Amino acid sequence: MSGRLVVVGGGARSGKSRFALEAAQRRVLGPRVFIATAEALDDEMRERAARHRAERGDAFTTLEEPLDVCSSVASSGAAAIVVDCLTLWISNLLLAGRPAPSILAEVERLIGAARAARATTWIVTNEVGMGVVPETPLGRAFRDLAGRANQLVAAAADEVYLGTMGLILRLKPSALSGGDAP
């Protein structure tokens, strides 16, 4: 049995993480793991992380992994895995000095780890290509990498959702009809 892959993308504060967490709780019985790619490097981020951890409560075991997300997915042993988020992970890898081809290879490795897991894996990601062109070379490199990574995971996914303004739209396999439930 290969794992299922679900991608939930959208803008900041669009409802995508909440959707992924709620779907993982509704759809999957058994252990659930939340893989946090953020690093709490300042007081505001530490507060934010603590608040989100409290909101998840006992429903998920939290793993903080800013760089080696693939190994965390592969070794989690969970029935449901939520990776939040792909774009922050890409930023971490980029700032750690990893070149673009290496980062895209890691994204492919993540897809493989999710497929190999006996779990449903939700990958939460930001859609960063709908705004202005970043001013700096690093910003443009990040935007381009995030766009390519989002395309890779969406192409490989069984399901793709887009969050915007607190609403979630199913893009793949097809749009939801009236009575369908995610």
N, C-alpha and C. Protein backbone atom coordinates (compact mmCIF):
# COMPACT_ATOMS: atom_id res chain seq x y z
N MET A 1 0.84 -1.18 0.00
CA MET A 1 0.00 0.00 0.00
C MET A 1 0.89 1.24 0.00
N SER A 2 0.67 2.12 -0.96
CA SER A 2 1.45 3.35 -0.96
C SER A 2 0.67 4.46 -0.28
N GLY A 3 1.41 5.39 0.26
CA GLY A 3 0.79 6.50 0.97
C GLY A 3 0.07 7.45 0.04
N ARG A 4 -0.90 8.13 0.59
CA ARG A 4 -1.62 9.17 -0.15
C ARG A 4 -0.96 10.50 0.11
N LEU A 5 -0.99 11.35 -0.90
CA LEU A 5 -0.40 12.67 -0.80
C LEU A 5 -1.46 13.72 -1.09
N VAL A 6 -1.61 14.65 -0.15
CA VAL A 6 -2.57 15.74 -0.28
C VAL A 6 -1.80 17.05 -0.12
N VAL A 7 -2.00 17.98 -1.04
CA VAL A 7 -1.34 19.27 -0.99
C VAL A 7 -2.39 20.35 -0.74
N VAL A 8 -2.09 21.23 0.22
CA VAL A 8 -2.98 22.34 0.54
C VAL A 8 -2.16 23.62 0.44
N GLY A 9 -2.45 24.42 -0.58
CA GLY A 9 -1.72 25.66 -0.79
C GLY A 9 -2.60 26.88 -0.63
N GLY A 10 -1.96 28.02 -0.62
CA GLY A 10 -2.70 29.28 -0.53
C GLY A 10 -1.83 30.35 0.08
N GLY A 11 -2.42 31.50 0.27
CA GLY A 11 -1.71 32.63 0.85
C GLY A 11 -1.61 32.52 2.36
N ALA A 12 -0.88 33.44 2.95
CA ALA A 12 -0.74 33.50 4.41
C ALA A 12 -2.11 33.74 5.03
N ARG A 13 -2.39 33.04 6.12
CA ARG A 13 -3.64 33.18 6.89
C ARG A 13 -4.87 32.88 6.04
N SER A 14 -4.73 31.95 5.09
CA SER A 14 -5.84 31.62 4.19
C SER A 14 -6.72 30.49 4.71
N GLY A 15 -6.31 29.82 5.78
CA GLY A 15 -7.06 28.69 6.32
C GLY A 15 -6.50 27.34 5.91
N LYS A 16 -5.39 27.32 5.21
CA LYS A 16 -4.85 26.07 4.69
C LYS A 16 -4.36 25.12 5.78
N SER A 17 -3.67 25.63 6.79
CA SER A 17 -3.18 24.75 7.87
C SER A 17 -4.34 24.19 8.68
N ARG A 18 -5.29 25.03 9.00
CA ARG A 18 -6.46 24.57 9.75
C ARG A 18 -7.18 23.46 8.98
N PHE A 19 -7.34 23.66 7.67
CA PHE A 19 -7.99 22.65 6.84
C PHE A 19 -7.22 21.33 6.88
N ALA A 20 -5.90 21.38 6.72
CA ALA A 20 -5.09 20.16 6.72
C ALA A 20 -5.19 19.43 8.06
N LEU A 21 -5.12 20.17 9.15
CA LEU A 21 -5.21 19.56 10.48
C LEU A 21 -6.59 18.93 10.71
N GLU A 22 -7.64 19.64 10.36
CA GLU A 22 -8.99 19.11 10.55
C GLU A 22 -9.23 17.90 9.66
N ALA A 23 -8.75 17.94 8.42
CA ALA A 23 -8.93 16.81 7.52
C ALA A 23 -8.17 15.59 8.04
N ALA A 24 -6.97 15.79 8.54
CA ALA A 24 -6.19 14.67 9.08
C ALA A 24 -6.90 14.04 10.27
N GLN A 25 -7.55 14.83 11.08
CA GLN A 25 -8.28 14.30 12.24
C GLN A 25 -9.57 13.60 11.82
N ARG A 26 -10.26 14.14 10.83
CA ARG A 26 -11.53 13.55 10.38
C ARG A 26 -11.33 12.27 9.59
N ARG A 27 -10.32 12.26 8.75
CA ARG A 27 -10.18 11.17 7.78
C ARG A 27 -9.38 9.97 8.27
N VAL A 28 -8.50 10.18 9.23
CA VAL A 28 -7.53 9.14 9.56
C VAL A 28 -7.62 8.76 11.03
N LEU A 29 -7.77 7.47 11.27
CA LEU A 29 -7.68 6.93 12.62
C LEU A 29 -6.24 6.49 12.86
N GLY A 30 -5.79 6.62 14.06
CA GLY A 30 -4.43 6.21 14.37
C GLY A 30 -3.55 7.40 14.67
N PRO A 31 -2.28 7.13 14.91
CA PRO A 31 -1.37 8.20 15.31
C PRO A 31 -1.21 9.25 14.22
N ARG A 32 -1.10 10.50 14.68
CA ARG A 32 -0.93 11.64 13.77
C ARG A 32 0.32 12.41 14.17
N VAL A 33 1.08 12.83 13.16
CA VAL A 33 2.29 13.59 13.40
C VAL A 33 2.20 14.91 12.66
N PHE A 34 2.61 15.98 13.33
CA PHE A 34 2.71 17.30 12.74
C PHE A 34 4.19 17.63 12.64
N ILE A 35 4.68 17.85 11.43
CA ILE A 35 6.09 18.19 11.23
C ILE A 35 6.17 19.69 10.99
N ALA A 36 6.73 20.39 11.96
CA ALA A 36 6.86 21.85 11.90
C ALA A 36 8.22 22.19 11.31
N THR A 37 8.22 22.95 10.22
CA THR A 37 9.48 23.33 9.60
C THR A 37 9.99 24.67 10.10
N ALA A 38 9.17 25.40 10.85
CA ALA A 38 9.57 26.71 11.37
C ALA A 38 10.57 26.57 12.51
N GLU A 39 11.45 27.52 12.59
CA GLU A 39 12.36 27.61 13.73
C GLU A 39 11.94 28.80 14.57
N ALA A 40 11.76 28.57 15.86
CA ALA A 40 11.36 29.64 16.77
C ALA A 40 12.60 30.38 17.23
N LEU A 41 13.03 31.35 16.43
CA LEU A 41 14.28 32.05 16.69
C LEU A 41 14.11 33.37 17.44
N ASP A 42 12.86 33.78 17.66
CA ASP A 42 12.61 35.01 18.41
C ASP A 42 11.37 34.82 19.28
N ASP A 43 11.12 35.78 20.14
CA ASP A 43 10.01 35.65 21.10
C ASP A 43 8.67 35.51 20.40
N GLU A 44 8.43 36.29 19.35
CA GLU A 44 7.15 36.22 18.65
C GLU A 44 6.94 34.83 18.05
N MET A 45 7.98 34.26 17.44
CA MET A 45 7.85 32.91 16.85
C MET A 45 7.69 31.86 17.94
N ARG A 46 8.36 32.01 19.07
CA ARG A 46 8.18 31.06 20.17
C ARG A 46 6.74 31.10 20.67
N GLU A 47 6.18 32.31 20.81
CA GLU A 47 4.77 32.44 21.24
C GLU A 47 3.83 31.80 20.22
N ARG A 48 4.08 32.08 18.95
CA ARG A 48 3.25 31.53 17.87
C ARG A 48 3.30 30.01 17.87
N ALA A 49 4.50 29.44 17.99
CA ALA A 49 4.65 27.99 18.01
C ALA A 49 3.94 27.38 19.22
N ALA A 50 4.07 27.99 20.37
CA ALA A 50 3.40 27.49 21.58
C ALA A 50 1.89 27.55 21.42
N ARG A 51 1.38 28.62 20.85
CA ARG A 51 -0.07 28.75 20.63
C ARG A 51 -0.58 27.67 19.67
N HIS A 52 0.14 27.46 18.59
CA HIS A 52 -0.28 26.44 17.61
C HIS A 52 -0.20 25.03 18.21
N ARG A 53 0.84 24.79 18.99
CA ARG A 53 0.97 23.47 19.65
C ARG A 53 -0.21 23.24 20.60
N ALA A 54 -0.58 24.27 21.36
CA ALA A 54 -1.73 24.17 22.27
C ALA A 54 -3.02 23.93 21.50
N GLU A 55 -3.19 24.59 20.36
CA GLU A 55 -4.38 24.40 19.54
C GLU A 55 -4.49 22.97 19.03
N ARG A 56 -3.36 22.36 18.68
CA ARG A 56 -3.37 20.97 18.21
C ARG A 56 -3.64 20.00 19.36
N GLY A 57 -3.29 20.38 20.56
CA GLY A 57 -3.51 19.55 21.73
C GLY A 57 -2.86 18.19 21.59
N ASP A 58 -3.58 17.16 22.04
CA ASP A 58 -3.06 15.79 22.00
C ASP A 58 -3.35 15.08 20.68
N ALA A 59 -3.98 15.78 19.73
CA ALA A 59 -4.36 15.14 18.47
C ALA A 59 -3.16 14.79 17.61
N PHE A 60 -2.04 15.50 17.81
CA PHE A 60 -0.84 15.29 17.00
C PHE A 60 0.40 15.27 17.89
N THR A 61 1.36 14.43 17.50
CA THR A 61 2.70 14.52 18.05
C THR A 61 3.45 15.51 17.17
N THR A 62 4.11 16.47 17.78
CA THR A 62 4.82 17.50 17.01
C THR A 62 6.29 17.16 16.91
N LEU A 63 6.80 17.20 15.68
CA LEU A 63 8.23 17.07 15.41
C LEU A 63 8.69 18.38 14.81
N GLU A 64 9.69 18.99 15.40
CA GLU A 64 10.25 20.22 14.85
C GLU A 64 11.44 19.84 13.99
N GLU A 65 11.32 20.07 12.69
CA GLU A 65 12.37 19.67 11.77
C GLU A 65 12.52 20.70 10.65
N PRO A 66 13.47 21.61 10.79
CA PRO A 66 13.63 22.65 9.78
C PRO A 66 14.34 22.22 8.50
N LEU A 67 15.11 21.12 8.53
CA LEU A 67 15.90 20.75 7.37
C LEU A 67 15.64 19.34 6.85
N ASP A 68 15.67 18.33 7.70
CA ASP A 68 15.56 16.94 7.24
C ASP A 68 14.13 16.42 7.34
N VAL A 69 13.24 17.09 6.64
CA VAL A 69 11.82 16.74 6.65
C VAL A 69 11.59 15.33 6.09
N CYS A 70 12.35 14.96 5.07
CA CYS A 70 12.15 13.65 4.43
C CYS A 70 12.35 12.51 5.42
N SER A 71 13.39 12.58 6.22
CA SER A 71 13.63 11.53 7.21
C SER A 71 12.53 11.49 8.26
N SER A 72 12.02 12.66 8.65
CA SER A 72 10.93 12.70 9.63
C SER A 72 9.68 12.04 9.08
N VAL A 73 9.37 12.29 7.81
CA VAL A 73 8.20 11.65 7.18
C VAL A 73 8.43 10.14 7.12
N ALA A 74 9.61 9.74 6.67
CA ALA A 74 9.91 8.32 6.50
C ALA A 74 9.89 7.54 7.81
N SER A 75 10.29 8.17 8.90
CA SER A 75 10.41 7.45 10.17
C SER A 75 9.25 7.69 11.13
N SER A 76 8.25 8.45 10.75
CA SER A 76 7.22 8.85 11.71
C SER A 76 6.37 7.69 12.20
N GLY A 77 6.08 6.72 11.34
CA GLY A 77 5.23 5.60 11.73
C GLY A 77 3.78 5.99 11.96
N ALA A 78 3.40 7.20 11.57
CA ALA A 78 2.05 7.69 11.81
C ALA A 78 1.10 7.27 10.70
N ALA A 79 -0.18 7.35 10.98
CA ALA A 79 -1.21 7.10 9.97
C ALA A 79 -1.52 8.38 9.20
N ALA A 80 -1.29 9.52 9.84
CA ALA A 80 -1.48 10.83 9.21
C ALA A 80 -0.29 11.71 9.54
N ILE A 81 0.20 12.41 8.51
CA ILE A 81 1.34 13.30 8.66
C ILE A 81 0.95 14.64 8.05
N VAL A 82 1.16 15.70 8.81
CA VAL A 82 0.96 17.05 8.27
C VAL A 82 2.32 17.74 8.29
N VAL A 83 2.80 18.15 7.12
CA VAL A 83 4.04 18.90 6.99
C VAL A 83 3.66 20.36 6.79
N ASP A 84 4.06 21.21 7.71
CA ASP A 84 3.69 22.62 7.65
C ASP A 84 4.92 23.47 7.91
N CYS A 85 5.55 24.05 6.91
CA CYS A 85 5.09 24.09 5.54
C CYS A 85 6.25 23.92 4.57
N LEU A 86 5.90 23.55 3.35
CA LEU A 86 6.88 23.31 2.30
C LEU A 86 7.70 24.57 1.99
N THR A 87 7.06 25.71 1.89
CA THR A 87 7.79 26.92 1.51
C THR A 87 8.76 27.37 2.60
N LEU A 88 8.40 27.20 3.85
CA LEU A 88 9.33 27.54 4.92
C LEU A 88 10.52 26.59 4.91
N TRP A 89 10.26 25.32 4.62
CA TRP A 89 11.34 24.34 4.50
C TRP A 89 12.29 24.73 3.37
N ILE A 90 11.73 25.14 2.23
CA ILE A 90 12.56 25.57 1.10
C ILE A 90 13.40 26.78 1.51
N SER A 91 12.80 27.71 2.23
CA SER A 91 13.54 28.88 2.72
C SER A 91 14.69 28.45 3.63
N ASN A 92 14.42 27.51 4.53
CA ASN A 92 15.47 27.01 5.43
C ASN A 92 16.63 26.40 4.65
N LEU A 93 16.30 25.58 3.64
CA LEU A 93 17.34 24.95 2.83
C LEU A 93 18.13 25.99 2.03
N LEU A 94 17.42 26.96 1.48
CA LEU A 94 18.07 28.02 0.70
C LEU A 94 19.02 28.83 1.58
N LEU A 95 18.56 29.20 2.77
CA LEU A 95 19.40 29.98 3.69
C LEU A 95 20.55 29.16 4.27
N ALA A 96 20.42 27.83 4.23
CA ALA A 96 21.51 26.96 4.67
C ALA A 96 22.56 26.77 3.58
N GLY A 97 22.34 27.43 2.43
CA GLY A 97 23.33 27.39 1.36
C GLY A 97 23.13 26.29 0.34
N ARG A 98 22.00 25.61 0.39
CA ARG A 98 21.75 24.55 -0.58
C ARG A 98 21.43 25.15 -1.95
N PRO A 99 22.03 24.64 -3.02
CA PRO A 99 21.71 25.15 -4.36
C PRO A 99 20.33 24.66 -4.83
N ALA A 100 19.76 25.40 -5.77
CA ALA A 100 18.41 25.10 -6.25
C ALA A 100 18.23 23.65 -6.70
N PRO A 101 19.14 23.08 -7.51
CA PRO A 101 18.93 21.69 -7.92
C PRO A 101 18.87 20.71 -6.74
N SER A 102 19.67 20.97 -5.72
CA SER A 102 19.66 20.13 -4.52
C SER A 102 18.33 20.26 -3.77
N ILE A 103 17.81 21.47 -3.71
CA ILE A 103 16.53 21.69 -3.02
C ILE A 103 15.41 20.98 -3.76
N LEU A 104 15.39 21.09 -5.08
CA LEU A 104 14.34 20.41 -5.85
C LEU A 104 14.48 18.89 -5.74
N ALA A 105 15.71 18.40 -5.63
CA ALA A 105 15.90 16.96 -5.39
C ALA A 105 15.34 16.56 -4.04
N GLU A 106 15.49 17.43 -3.03
CA GLU A 106 14.89 17.15 -1.71
C GLU A 106 13.37 17.12 -1.79
N VAL A 107 12.78 17.99 -2.59
CA VAL A 107 11.33 17.98 -2.77
C VAL A 107 10.90 16.65 -3.39
N GLU A 108 11.63 16.19 -4.39
CA GLU A 108 11.33 14.87 -5.00
C GLU A 108 11.48 13.76 -3.96
N ARG A 109 12.50 13.89 -3.12
CA ARG A 109 12.72 12.90 -2.06
C ARG A 109 11.55 12.91 -1.06
N LEU A 110 11.03 14.10 -0.76
CA LEU A 110 9.87 14.21 0.12
C LEU A 110 8.66 13.52 -0.49
N ILE A 111 8.44 13.73 -1.77
CA ILE A 111 7.33 13.05 -2.46
C ILE A 111 7.51 11.54 -2.34
N GLY A 112 8.71 11.06 -2.55
CA GLY A 112 8.99 9.62 -2.44
C GLY A 112 8.76 9.11 -1.03
N ALA A 113 9.18 9.88 -0.03
CA ALA A 113 8.98 9.47 1.36
C ALA A 113 7.50 9.41 1.70
N ALA A 114 6.74 10.38 1.21
CA ALA A 114 5.29 10.38 1.46
C ALA A 114 4.63 9.18 0.79
N ARG A 115 5.05 8.87 -0.42
CA ARG A 115 4.48 7.71 -1.13
C ARG A 115 4.86 6.40 -0.45
N ALA A 116 6.06 6.32 0.10
CA ALA A 116 6.52 5.09 0.75
C ALA A 116 5.89 4.89 2.13
N ALA A 117 5.45 5.97 2.73
CA ALA A 117 4.85 5.88 4.08
C ALA A 117 3.49 5.20 3.99
N ARG A 118 3.14 4.49 5.02
CA ARG A 118 1.79 3.90 5.09
C ARG A 118 0.90 4.90 5.80
N ALA A 119 0.76 6.06 5.17
CA ALA A 119 0.08 7.19 5.81
C ALA A 119 -0.53 8.06 4.72
N THR A 120 -1.39 8.95 5.17
CA THR A 120 -1.79 10.06 4.31
C THR A 120 -0.97 11.25 4.77
N THR A 121 -0.27 11.86 3.83
CA THR A 121 0.58 13.00 4.14
C THR A 121 -0.03 14.25 3.53
N TRP A 122 -0.28 15.24 4.37
CA TRP A 122 -0.74 16.55 3.92
C TRP A 122 0.46 17.46 3.90
N ILE A 123 0.74 18.08 2.76
CA ILE A 123 1.80 19.07 2.65
C ILE A 123 1.14 20.43 2.51
N VAL A 124 1.40 21.30 3.47
CA VAL A 124 0.88 22.66 3.44
C VAL A 124 1.95 23.54 2.80
N THR A 125 1.53 24.43 1.90
CA THR A 125 2.48 25.27 1.19
C THR A 125 1.87 26.63 0.89
N ASN A 126 2.73 27.60 0.76
CA ASN A 126 2.29 28.96 0.41
C ASN A 126 2.38 29.16 -1.09
N GLU A 127 1.38 29.82 -1.64
CA GLU A 127 1.43 30.24 -3.04
C GLU A 127 2.06 31.63 -3.03
N VAL A 128 3.31 31.71 -3.44
CA VAL A 128 4.03 32.98 -3.35
C VAL A 128 4.15 33.67 -4.71
N GLY A 129 3.62 33.07 -5.75
CA GLY A 129 3.79 33.62 -7.08
C GLY A 129 2.70 34.57 -7.53
N MET A 130 1.81 34.97 -6.64
CA MET A 130 0.71 35.84 -7.05
C MET A 130 0.94 37.30 -6.66
N GLY A 131 2.08 37.59 -6.08
CA GLY A 131 2.36 38.95 -5.63
C GLY A 131 3.34 39.65 -6.55
N VAL A 132 3.95 40.67 -6.03
CA VAL A 132 4.92 41.43 -6.80
C VAL A 132 6.21 40.63 -6.95
N VAL A 133 6.99 40.99 -7.96
CA VAL A 133 8.30 40.36 -8.16
C VAL A 133 9.20 40.84 -7.03
N PRO A 134 9.82 39.88 -6.30
CA PRO A 134 10.71 40.29 -5.19
C PRO A 134 11.84 41.19 -5.67
N GLU A 135 12.25 42.08 -4.80
CA GLU A 135 13.25 43.09 -5.12
C GLU A 135 14.67 42.52 -5.18
N THR A 136 14.95 41.49 -4.39
CA THR A 136 16.32 40.99 -4.27
C THR A 136 16.50 39.68 -5.03
N PRO A 137 17.75 39.38 -5.40
CA PRO A 137 18.02 38.08 -6.05
C PRO A 137 17.61 36.90 -5.17
N LEU A 138 17.87 36.98 -3.86
CA LEU A 138 17.48 35.89 -2.96
C LEU A 138 15.95 35.73 -2.95
N GLY A 139 15.24 36.83 -2.90
CA GLY A 139 13.78 36.77 -2.92
C GLY A 139 13.25 36.16 -4.20
N ARG A 140 13.85 36.52 -5.34
CA ARG A 140 13.42 35.95 -6.62
C ARG A 140 13.77 34.47 -6.69
N ALA A 141 14.95 34.10 -6.18
CA ALA A 141 15.33 32.68 -6.17
C ALA A 141 14.35 31.87 -5.33
N PHE A 142 13.97 32.41 -4.16
CA PHE A 142 13.00 31.74 -3.31
C PHE A 142 11.66 31.58 -4.02
N ARG A 143 11.16 32.67 -4.60
CA ARG A 143 9.87 32.62 -5.29
C ARG A 143 9.89 31.57 -6.40
N ASP A 144 10.96 31.56 -7.19
CA ASP A 144 11.06 30.60 -8.29
C ASP A 144 11.13 29.16 -7.79
N LEU A 145 11.93 28.93 -6.75
CA LEU A 145 12.03 27.59 -6.17
C LEU A 145 10.69 27.13 -5.60
N ALA A 146 10.02 28.02 -4.88
CA ALA A 146 8.72 27.67 -4.30
C ALA A 146 7.73 27.32 -5.40
N GLY A 147 7.73 28.09 -6.47
CA GLY A 147 6.81 27.79 -7.58
C GLY A 147 7.09 26.43 -8.20
N ARG A 148 8.36 26.12 -8.43
CA ARG A 148 8.70 24.81 -9.00
C ARG A 148 8.36 23.68 -8.03
N ALA A 149 8.66 23.89 -6.75
CA ALA A 149 8.35 22.86 -5.75
C ALA A 149 6.84 22.62 -5.66
N ASN A 150 6.07 23.70 -5.66
CA ASN A 150 4.61 23.56 -5.61
C ASN A 150 4.10 22.79 -6.82
N GLN A 151 4.67 23.04 -8.00
CA GLN A 151 4.27 22.30 -9.18
C GLN A 151 4.60 20.82 -9.05
N LEU A 152 5.78 20.51 -8.51
CA LEU A 152 6.17 19.10 -8.34
C LEU A 152 5.23 18.36 -7.40
N VAL A 153 4.95 18.95 -6.22
CA VAL A 153 4.10 18.25 -5.26
C VAL A 153 2.66 18.18 -5.75
N ALA A 154 2.19 19.22 -6.43
CA ALA A 154 0.81 19.19 -6.94
C ALA A 154 0.66 18.14 -8.03
N ALA A 155 1.65 18.00 -8.90
CA ALA A 155 1.59 16.99 -9.96
C ALA A 155 1.58 15.59 -9.38
N ALA A 156 2.30 15.37 -8.29
CA ALA A 156 2.39 14.04 -7.68
C ALA A 156 1.22 13.73 -6.76
N ALA A 157 0.48 14.74 -6.34
CA ALA A 157 -0.54 14.58 -5.30
C ALA A 157 -1.79 13.87 -5.81
N ASP A 158 -2.42 13.16 -4.87
CA ASP A 158 -3.73 12.56 -5.13
C ASP A 158 -4.82 13.62 -5.07
N GLU A 159 -4.63 14.60 -4.19
CA GLU A 159 -5.58 15.68 -4.00
C GLU A 159 -4.82 16.98 -3.84
N VAL A 160 -5.39 18.07 -4.39
CA VAL A 160 -4.82 19.40 -4.22
C VAL A 160 -5.94 20.36 -3.87
N TYR A 161 -5.69 21.18 -2.85
CA TYR A 161 -6.65 22.18 -2.39
C TYR A 161 -5.98 23.54 -2.39
N LEU A 162 -6.78 24.59 -2.61
CA LEU A 162 -6.30 25.96 -2.56
C LEU A 162 -7.12 26.72 -1.53
N GLY A 163 -6.41 27.34 -0.58
CA GLY A 163 -7.07 28.15 0.43
C GLY A 163 -6.95 29.62 0.08
N THR A 164 -8.07 30.31 0.20
CA THR A 164 -8.07 31.75 -0.01
C THR A 164 -9.20 32.37 0.78
N MET A 165 -8.91 33.42 1.52
CA MET A 165 -9.91 34.15 2.30
C MET A 165 -10.72 33.24 3.24
N GLY A 166 -10.07 32.21 3.76
CA GLY A 166 -10.74 31.29 4.68
C GLY A 166 -11.58 30.22 4.00
N LEU A 167 -11.59 30.20 2.69
CA LEU A 167 -12.34 29.21 1.93
C LEU A 167 -11.36 28.24 1.28
N ILE A 168 -11.78 26.99 1.16
CA ILE A 168 -10.92 25.97 0.57
C ILE A 168 -11.57 25.45 -0.71
N LEU A 169 -10.83 25.47 -1.79
CA LEU A 169 -11.30 24.97 -3.08
C LEU A 169 -10.54 23.71 -3.43
N ARG A 170 -11.23 22.67 -3.84
CA ARG A 170 -10.54 21.46 -4.31
C ARG A 170 -10.22 21.63 -5.78
N LEU A 171 -8.96 21.46 -6.13
CA LEU A 171 -8.49 21.59 -7.50
C LEU A 171 -8.27 20.24 -8.17
N LYS A 172 -7.89 19.24 -7.37
CA LYS A 172 -7.56 17.92 -7.91
C LYS A 172 -8.05 16.87 -6.93
N PRO A 173 -8.76 15.85 -7.34
CA PRO A 173 -8.94 15.42 -8.72
C PRO A 173 -9.93 16.28 -9.51
N SER A 174 -10.91 16.88 -8.88
CA SER A 174 -11.83 17.81 -9.56
C SER A 174 -12.52 18.63 -8.49
N ALA A 175 -13.16 19.68 -8.91
CA ALA A 175 -13.86 20.54 -7.94
C ALA A 175 -14.95 19.74 -7.22
N LEU A 176 -15.18 20.10 -5.98
CA LEU A 176 -16.25 19.46 -5.20
C LEU A 176 -17.61 19.86 -5.75
N SER A 177 -18.55 18.92 -5.68
CA SER A 177 -19.91 19.29 -6.02
C SER A 177 -20.69 19.45 -4.71
N GLY A 178 -21.91 19.94 -4.79
CA GLY A 178 -22.74 20.30 -3.64
C GLY A 178 -22.57 19.51 -2.37
N GLY A 179 -22.82 18.20 -2.36
CA GLY A 179 -22.83 17.43 -1.12
C GLY A 179 -21.53 16.72 -0.79
N ASP A 180 -20.50 16.90 -1.61
CA ASP A 180 -19.22 16.23 -1.35
C ASP A 180 -18.57 16.79 -0.10
N ALA A 181 -17.94 15.92 0.65
CA ALA A 181 -17.20 16.34 1.85
C ALA A 181 -15.74 15.99 1.63
N PRO A 182 -14.84 16.87 2.05
CA PRO A 182 -13.41 16.58 1.86
C PRO A 182 -12.94 15.41 2.71
